[in-house]
Amino acid sequence: PDLPMIQIEAAELVWRKLDSLLSGFNLEI
């Protein structure tokens, strides 16, 4: 409950980087 927005934004930043990494291997989650 009440997860700070900064943590949500940090997780989204990691997801963007992971999605970019996966795309180099022709993978998508």
PDB file of all heavy atoms in Angstrom:
ATOM      1  N   PRO A   1       0.841  -1.209   0.000  1.00  0.00           N
ATOM      2  CA  PRO A   1       0.000   0.000   0.000  1.00  0.00           C
ATOM      3  C   PRO A   1       0.877   1.261   0.000  1.00  0.00           C
ATOM      4  O   PRO A   1       1.958   1.271   0.586  1.00  0.00           O
ATOM      5  CB  PRO A   1      -0.796  -0.124   1.307  1.00  0.00           C
ATOM      6  CG  PRO A   1       0.036  -1.006   2.180  1.00  0.00           C
ATOM      7  CD  PRO A   1       0.804  -1.928   1.257  1.00  0.00           C
ATOM      8  N   ASP A   2       0.423   2.265  -0.676  1.00  0.00           N
ATOM      9  CA  ASP A   2       1.090   3.576  -0.678  1.00  0.00           C
ATOM     10  C   ASP A   2       2.538   3.518  -1.151  1.00  0.00           C
ATOM     11  O   ASP A   2       3.423   4.155  -0.560  1.00  0.00           O
ATOM     12  CB  ASP A   2       1.017   4.224   0.711  1.00  0.00           C
ATOM     13  CG  ASP A   2      -0.418   4.402   1.171  1.00  0.00           C
ATOM     14  OD1 ASP A   2      -1.273   4.735   0.328  1.00  0.00           O
ATOM     15  OD2 ASP A   2      -0.683   4.202   2.367  1.00  0.00           O
ATOM     16  N   LEU A   3       2.796   2.769  -2.198  1.00  0.00           N
ATOM     17  CA  LEU A   3       4.137   2.705  -2.763  1.00  0.00           C
ATOM     18  C   LEU A   3       4.502   4.089  -3.306  1.00  0.00           C
ATOM     19  O   LEU A   3       3.749   4.675  -4.098  1.00  0.00           O
ATOM     20  CB  LEU A   3       4.193   1.668  -3.886  1.00  0.00           C
ATOM     21  CG  LEU A   3       5.551   1.415  -4.529  1.00  0.00           C
ATOM     22  CD1 LEU A   3       6.504   0.785  -3.500  1.00  0.00           C
ATOM     23  CD2 LEU A   3       5.398   0.498  -5.732  1.00  0.00           C
ATOM     24  N   PRO A   4       5.642   4.653  -2.897  1.00  0.00           N
ATOM     25  CA  PRO A   4       6.025   5.986  -3.372  1.00  0.00           C
ATOM     26  C   PRO A   4       6.206   6.008  -4.897  1.00  0.00           C
ATOM     27  O   PRO A   4       6.717   5.049  -5.487  1.00  0.00           O
ATOM     28  CB  PRO A   4       7.356   6.254  -2.668  1.00  0.00           C
ATOM     29  CG  PRO A   4       7.387   5.336  -1.503  1.00  0.00           C
ATOM     30  CD  PRO A   4       6.587   4.129  -1.912  1.00  0.00           C
ATOM     31  N   MET A   5       5.780   7.095  -5.497  1.00  0.00           N
ATOM     32  CA  MET A   5       5.868   7.249  -6.949  1.00  0.00           C
ATOM     33  C   MET A   5       7.304   7.083  -7.442  1.00  0.00           C
ATOM     34  O   MET A   5       7.527   6.537  -8.515  1.00  0.00           O
ATOM     35  CB  MET A   5       5.307   8.605  -7.372  1.00  0.00           C
ATOM     36  CG  MET A   5       5.277   8.797  -8.877  1.00  0.00           C
ATOM     37  SD  MET A   5       4.371   7.531  -9.791  1.00  0.00           S
ATOM     38  CE  MET A   5       2.707   7.944  -9.378  1.00  0.00           C
ATOM     39  N   ILE A   6       8.284   7.506  -6.664  1.00  0.00           N
ATOM     40  CA  ILE A   6       9.681   7.390  -7.083  1.00  0.00           C
ATOM     41  C   ILE A   6      10.076   5.924  -7.273  1.00  0.00           C
ATOM     42  O   ILE A   6      10.845   5.598  -8.173  1.00  0.00           O
ATOM     43  CB  ILE A   6      10.633   8.120  -6.086  1.00  0.00           C
ATOM     44  CG1 ILE A   6      12.031   8.222  -6.652  1.00  0.00           C
ATOM     45  CG2 ILE A   6      10.659   7.433  -4.742  1.00  0.00           C
ATOM     46  CD1 ILE A   6      12.182   9.275  -7.691  1.00  0.00           C
ATOM     47  N   GLN A   7       9.527   5.032  -6.458  1.00  0.00           N
ATOM     48  CA  GLN A   7       9.830   3.611  -6.614  1.00  0.00           C
ATOM     49  C   GLN A   7       9.150   3.036  -7.855  1.00  0.00           C
ATOM     50  O   GLN A   7       9.718   2.210  -8.551  1.00  0.00           O
ATOM     51  CB  GLN A   7       9.441   2.830  -5.365  1.00  0.00           C
ATOM     52  CG  GLN A   7      10.386   3.095  -4.208  1.00  0.00           C
ATOM     53  CD  GLN A   7      10.051   2.270  -2.987  1.00  0.00           C
ATOM     54  OE1 GLN A   7       8.899   1.923  -2.749  1.00  0.00           O
ATOM     55  NE2 GLN A   7      11.072   1.967  -2.203  1.00  0.00           N
ATOM     56  N   ILE A   8       7.938   3.474  -8.126  1.00  0.00           N
ATOM     57  CA  ILE A   8       7.240   3.038  -9.340  1.00  0.00           C
ATOM     58  C   ILE A   8       8.015   3.503 -10.565  1.00  0.00           C
ATOM     59  O   ILE A   8       8.234   2.741 -11.509  1.00  0.00           O
ATOM     60  CB  ILE A   8       5.801   3.577  -9.363  1.00  0.00           C
ATOM     61  CG1 ILE A   8       4.987   2.933  -8.233  1.00  0.00           C
ATOM     62  CG2 ILE A   8       5.142   3.338 -10.718  1.00  0.00           C
ATOM     63  CD1 ILE A   8       3.624   3.561  -8.017  1.00  0.00           C
ATOM     64  N   GLU A   9       8.462   4.761 -10.558  1.00  0.00           N
ATOM     65  CA  GLU A   9       9.226   5.296 -11.684  1.00  0.00           C
ATOM     66  C   GLU A   9      10.557   4.565 -11.852  1.00  0.00           C
ATOM     67  O   GLU A   9      10.983   4.306 -12.982  1.00  0.00           O
ATOM     68  CB  GLU A   9       9.452   6.791 -11.493  1.00  0.00           C
ATOM     69  CG  GLU A   9       8.179   7.601 -11.622  1.00  0.00           C
ATOM     70  CD  GLU A   9       8.337   9.058 -11.197  1.00  0.00           C
ATOM     71  OE1 GLU A   9       9.420   9.434 -10.687  1.00  0.00           O
ATOM     72  OE2 GLU A   9       7.375   9.816 -11.381  1.00  0.00           O
ATOM     73  N   ALA A  10      11.205   4.215 -10.742  1.00  0.00           N
ATOM     74  CA  ALA A  10      12.474   3.481 -10.811  1.00  0.00           C
ATOM     75  C   ALA A  10      12.257   2.105 -11.424  1.00  0.00           C
ATOM     76  O   ALA A  10      13.042   1.661 -12.278  1.00  0.00           O
ATOM     77  CB  ALA A  10      13.097   3.364  -9.424  1.00  0.00           C
ATOM     78  N   ALA A  11      11.190   1.430 -11.025  1.00  0.00           N
ATOM     79  CA  ALA A  11      10.892   0.110 -11.594  1.00  0.00           C
ATOM     80  C   ALA A  11      10.600   0.221 -13.088  1.00  0.00           C
ATOM     81  O   ALA A  11      11.055  -0.610 -13.885  1.00  0.00           O
ATOM     82  CB  ALA A  11       9.718  -0.531 -10.862  1.00  0.00           C
ATOM     83  N   GLU A  12       9.871   1.260 -13.487  1.00  0.00           N
ATOM     84  CA  GLU A  12       9.568   1.444 -14.916  1.00  0.00           C
ATOM     85  C   GLU A  12      10.843   1.711 -15.718  1.00  0.00           C
ATOM     86  O   GLU A  12      10.976   1.253 -16.856  1.00  0.00           O
ATOM     87  CB  GLU A  12       8.551   2.563 -15.119  1.00  0.00           C
ATOM     88  CG  GLU A  12       7.153   2.177 -14.687  1.00  0.00           C
ATOM     89  CD  GLU A  12       6.639   0.912 -15.379  1.00  0.00           C
ATOM     90  OE1 GLU A  12       6.833   0.744 -16.600  1.00  0.00           O
ATOM     91  OE2 GLU A  12       6.032   0.090 -14.677  1.00  0.00           O
ATOM     92  N   LEU A  13      11.779   2.442 -15.139  1.00  0.00           N
ATOM     93  CA  LEU A  13      13.064   2.675 -15.797  1.00  0.00           C
ATOM     94  C   LEU A  13      13.802   1.354 -16.007  1.00  0.00           C
ATOM     95  O   LEU A  13      14.333   1.086 -17.094  1.00  0.00           O
ATOM     96  CB  LEU A  13      13.919   3.634 -14.978  1.00  0.00           C
ATOM     97  CG  LEU A  13      15.325   3.901 -15.515  1.00  0.00           C
ATOM     98  CD1 LEU A  13      15.263   4.584 -16.873  1.00  0.00           C
ATOM     99  CD2 LEU A  13      16.118   4.739 -14.525  1.00  0.00           C
ATOM    100  N   VAL A  14      13.817   0.504 -14.996  1.00  0.00           N
ATOM    101  CA  VAL A  14      14.465  -0.807 -15.132  1.00  0.00           C
ATOM    102  C   VAL A  14      13.753  -1.628 -16.199  1.00  0.00           C
ATOM    103  O   VAL A  14      14.400  -2.260 -17.039  1.00  0.00           O
ATOM    104  CB  VAL A  14      14.501  -1.553 -13.775  1.00  0.00           C
ATOM    105  CG1 VAL A  14      15.003  -2.985 -13.959  1.00  0.00           C
ATOM    106  CG2 VAL A  14      15.368  -0.799 -12.777  1.00  0.00           C
ATOM    107  N   TRP A  15      12.407  -1.607 -16.206  1.00  0.00           N
ATOM    108  CA  TRP A  15      11.676  -2.349 -17.228  1.00  0.00           C
ATOM    109  C   TRP A  15      12.020  -1.870 -18.637  1.00  0.00           C
ATOM    110  O   TRP A  15      12.171  -2.680 -19.554  1.00  0.00           O
ATOM    111  CB  TRP A  15      10.163  -2.257 -16.998  1.00  0.00           C
ATOM    112  CG  TRP A  15       9.652  -3.280 -16.038  1.00  0.00           C
ATOM    113  CD1 TRP A  15       8.990  -3.045 -14.879  1.00  0.00           C
ATOM    114  CD2 TRP A  15       9.770  -4.702 -16.142  1.00  0.00           C
ATOM    115  NE1 TRP A  15       8.709  -4.227 -14.246  1.00  0.00           N
ATOM    116  CE2 TRP A  15       9.161  -5.267 -15.007  1.00  0.00           C
ATOM    117  CE3 TRP A  15      10.328  -5.563 -17.083  1.00  0.00           C
ATOM    118  CZ2 TRP A  15       9.088  -6.638 -14.783  1.00  0.00           C
ATOM    119  CZ3 TRP A  15      10.265  -6.934 -16.865  1.00  0.00           C
ATOM    120  CH2 TRP A  15       9.661  -7.458 -15.728  1.00  0.00           C
ATOM    121  N   ARG A  16      12.136  -0.557 -18.820  1.00  0.00           N
ATOM    122  CA  ARG A  16      12.487  -0.036 -20.159  1.00  0.00           C
ATOM    123  C   ARG A  16      13.855  -0.574 -20.589  1.00  0.00           C
ATOM    124  O   ARG A  16      14.047  -0.959 -21.730  1.00  0.00           O
ATOM    125  CB  ARG A  16      12.458   1.487 -20.171  1.00  0.00           C
ATOM    126  CG  ARG A  16      11.055   2.047 -20.247  1.00  0.00           C
ATOM    127  CD  ARG A  16      11.029   3.526 -20.593  1.00  0.00           C
ATOM    128  NE  ARG A  16      11.655   4.383 -19.602  1.00  0.00           N
ATOM    129  CZ  ARG A  16      11.040   4.862 -18.527  1.00  0.00           C
ATOM    130  NH1 ARG A  16       9.779   4.580 -18.309  1.00  0.00           N
ATOM    131  NH2 ARG A  16      11.672   5.642 -17.684  1.00  0.00           N
ATOM    132  N   LYS A  17      14.807  -0.588 -19.656  1.00  0.00           N
ATOM    133  CA  LYS A  17      16.141  -1.097 -19.983  1.00  0.00           C
ATOM    134  C   LYS A  17      16.097  -2.601 -20.266  1.00  0.00           C
ATOM    135  O   LYS A  17      16.744  -3.085 -21.203  1.00  0.00           O
ATOM    136  CB  LYS A  17      17.119  -0.777 -18.869  1.00  0.00           C
ATOM    137  CG  LYS A  17      17.417   0.705 -18.776  1.00  0.00           C
ATOM    138  CD  LYS A  17      18.566   0.988 -17.837  1.00  0.00           C
ATOM    139  CE  LYS A  17      18.906   2.460 -17.848  1.00  0.00           C
ATOM    140  NZ  LYS A  17      19.699   2.877 -18.977  1.00  0.00           N
ATOM    141  N   LEU A  18      15.330  -3.349 -19.467  1.00  0.00           N
ATOM    142  CA  LEU A  18      15.216  -4.788 -19.695  1.00  0.00           C
ATOM    143  C   LEU A  18      14.510  -5.082 -21.022  1.00  0.00           C
ATOM    144  O   LEU A  18      14.926  -5.990 -21.763  1.00  0.00           O
ATOM    145  CB  LEU A  18      14.466  -5.452 -18.536  1.00  0.00           C
ATOM    146  CG  LEU A  18      15.210  -5.514 -17.203  1.00  0.00           C
ATOM    147  CD1 LEU A  18      14.292  -6.052 -16.107  1.00  0.00           C
ATOM    148  CD2 LEU A  18      16.473  -6.354 -17.315  1.00  0.00           C
ATOM    149  N   ASP A  19      13.461  -4.328 -21.326  1.00  0.00           N
ATOM    150  CA  ASP A  19      12.765  -4.511 -22.605  1.00  0.00           C
ATOM    151  C   ASP A  19      13.708  -4.250 -23.776  1.00  0.00           C
ATOM    152  O   ASP A  19      13.695  -4.976 -24.778  1.00  0.00           O
ATOM    153  CB  ASP A  19      11.540  -3.604 -22.696  1.00  0.00           C
ATOM    154  CG  ASP A  19      10.395  -4.055 -21.809  1.00  0.00           C
ATOM    155  OD1 ASP A  19      10.350  -5.243 -21.426  1.00  0.00           O
ATOM    156  OD2 ASP A  19       9.533  -3.199 -21.495  1.00  0.00           O
ATOM    157  N   SER A  20      14.538  -3.236 -23.651  1.00  0.00           N
ATOM    158  CA  SER A  20      15.519  -2.922 -24.694  1.00  0.00           C
ATOM    159  C   SER A  20      16.529  -4.060 -24.836  1.00  0.00           C
ATOM    160  O   SER A  20      16.859  -4.469 -25.953  1.00  0.00           O
ATOM    161  CB  SER A  20      16.229  -1.613 -24.370  1.00  0.00           C
ATOM    162  OG  SER A  20      17.222  -1.329 -25.312  1.00  0.00           O
ATOM    163  N   LEU A  21      17.001  -4.571 -23.719  1.00  0.00           N
ATOM    164  CA  LEU A  21      17.934  -5.695 -23.741  1.00  0.00           C
ATOM    165  C   LEU A  21      17.300  -6.916 -24.390  1.00  0.00           C
ATOM    166  O   LEU A  21      17.907  -7.563 -25.261  1.00  0.00           O
ATOM    167  CB  LEU A  21      18.378  -6.029 -22.311  1.00  0.00           C
ATOM    168  CG  LEU A  21      19.279  -7.241 -22.144  1.00  0.00           C
ATOM    169  CD1 LEU A  21      20.643  -6.993 -22.764  1.00  0.00           C
ATOM    170  CD2 LEU A  21      19.423  -7.585 -20.665  1.00  0.00           C
ATOM    171  N   LEU A  22      16.070  -7.228 -24.016  1.00  0.00           N
ATOM    172  CA  LEU A  22      15.375  -8.380 -24.585  1.00  0.00           C
ATOM    173  C   LEU A  22      15.165  -8.238 -26.090  1.00  0.00           C
ATOM    174  O   LEU A  22      15.274  -9.209 -26.828  1.00  0.00           O
ATOM    175  CB  LEU A  22      14.027  -8.580 -23.895  1.00  0.00           C
ATOM    176  CG  LEU A  22      14.056  -9.139 -22.492  1.00  0.00           C
ATOM    177  CD1 LEU A  22      12.659  -9.152 -21.893  1.00  0.00           C
ATOM    178  CD2 LEU A  22      14.655 -10.520 -22.460  1.00  0.00           C
ATOM    179  N   SER A  23      14.857  -7.022 -26.531  1.00  0.00           N
ATOM    180  CA  SER A  23      14.608  -6.823 -27.966  1.00  0.00           C
ATOM    181  C   SER A  23      15.849  -7.156 -28.791  1.00  0.00           C
ATOM    182  O   SER A  23      15.737  -7.615 -29.933  1.00  0.00           O
ATOM    183  CB  SER A  23      14.117  -5.408 -28.252  1.00  0.00           C
ATOM    184  OG  SER A  23      15.161  -4.473 -28.091  1.00  0.00           O
ATOM    185  N   GLY A  24      17.034  -6.983 -28.209  1.00  0.00           N
ATOM    186  CA  GLY A  24      18.262  -7.373 -28.903  1.00  0.00           C
ATOM    187  C   GLY A  24      18.369  -8.868 -29.122  1.00  0.00           C
ATOM    188  O   GLY A  24      19.118  -9.335 -29.986  1.00  0.00           O
ATOM    189  N   PHE A  25      17.622  -9.634 -28.348  1.00  0.00           N
ATOM    190  CA  PHE A  25      17.581 -11.094 -28.484  1.00  0.00           C
ATOM    191  C   PHE A  25      16.281 -11.559 -29.136  1.00  0.00           C
ATOM    192  O   PHE A  25      15.947 -12.746 -29.101  1.00  0.00           O
ATOM    193  CB  PHE A  25      17.708 -11.763 -27.104  1.00  0.00           C
ATOM    194  CG  PHE A  25      19.057 -11.584 -26.475  1.00  0.00           C
ATOM    195  CD1 PHE A  25      19.268 -10.580 -25.544  1.00  0.00           C
ATOM    196  CD2 PHE A  25      20.114 -12.416 -26.825  1.00  0.00           C
ATOM    197  CE1 PHE A  25      20.505 -10.404 -24.954  1.00  0.00           C
ATOM    198  CE2 PHE A  25      21.358 -12.236 -26.241  1.00  0.00           C
ATOM    199  CZ  PHE A  25      21.563 -11.242 -25.306  1.00  0.00           C
ATOM    200  N   ASN A  26      15.536 -10.621 -29.726  1.00  0.00           N
ATOM    201  CA  ASN A  26      14.244 -10.906 -30.353  1.00  0.00           C
ATOM    202  C   ASN A  26      13.233 -11.481 -29.368  1.00  0.00           C
ATOM    203  O   ASN A  26      12.414 -12.321 -29.721  1.00  0.00           O
ATOM    204  CB  ASN A  26      14.403 -11.847 -31.553  1.00  0.00           C
ATOM    205  CG  ASN A  26      15.178 -11.216 -32.669  1.00  0.00           C
ATOM    206  OD1 ASN A  26      14.820 -10.131 -33.129  1.00  0.00           O
ATOM    207  ND2 ASN A  26      16.244 -11.861 -33.108  1.00  0.00           N
ATOM    208  N   LEU A  27      13.323 -11.052 -28.112  1.00  0.00           N
ATOM    209  CA  LEU A  27      12.408 -11.498 -27.066  1.00  0.00           C
ATOM    210  C   LEU A  27      11.568 -10.335 -26.572  1.00  0.00           C
ATOM    211  O   LEU A  27      12.026  -9.201 -26.546  1.00  0.00           O
ATOM    212  CB  LEU A  27      13.187 -12.067 -25.876  1.00  0.00           C
ATOM    213  CG  LEU A  27      13.833 -13.423 -26.053  1.00  0.00           C
ATOM    214  CD1 LEU A  27      14.838 -13.676 -24.942  1.00  0.00           C
ATOM    215  CD2 LEU A  27      12.777 -14.509 -26.061  1.00  0.00           C
ATOM    216  N   GLU A  28      10.346 -10.641 -26.174  1.00  0.00           N
ATOM    217  CA  GLU A  28       9.462  -9.650 -25.568  1.00  0.00           C
ATOM    218  C   GLU A  28       8.725 -10.332 -24.427  1.00  0.00           C
ATOM    219  O   GLU A  28       8.267 -11.467 -24.571  1.00  0.00           O
ATOM    220  CB  GLU A  28       8.470  -9.135 -26.611  1.00  0.00           C
ATOM    221  CG  GLU A  28       7.554  -8.070 -26.119  1.00  0.00           C
ATOM    222  CD  GLU A  28       6.582  -7.600 -27.188  1.00  0.00           C
ATOM    223  OE1 GLU A  28       6.820  -7.853 -28.379  1.00  0.00           O
ATOM    224  OE2 GLU A  28       5.574  -6.993 -26.803  1.00  0.00           O
ATOM    225  N   ILE A  29       8.620  -9.668 -23.301  1.00  0.00           N
ATOM    226  CA  ILE A  29       7.926 -10.235 -22.152  1.00  0.00           C
ATOM    227  C   ILE A  29       6.464  -9.826 -22.189  1.00  0.00           C
ATOM    228  O   ILE A  29       6.135  -8.692 -22.549  1.00  0.00           O
ATOM    229  CB  ILE A  29       8.602  -9.818 -20.827  1.00  0.00           C
ATOM    230  CG1 ILE A  29       8.008 -10.577 -19.650  1.00  0.00           C
ATOM    231  CG2 ILE A  29       8.539  -8.335 -20.614  1.00  0.00           C
ATOM    232  CD1 ILE A  29       8.785 -10.423 -18.355  1.00  0.00           C
TER     233      ILE A  29
END
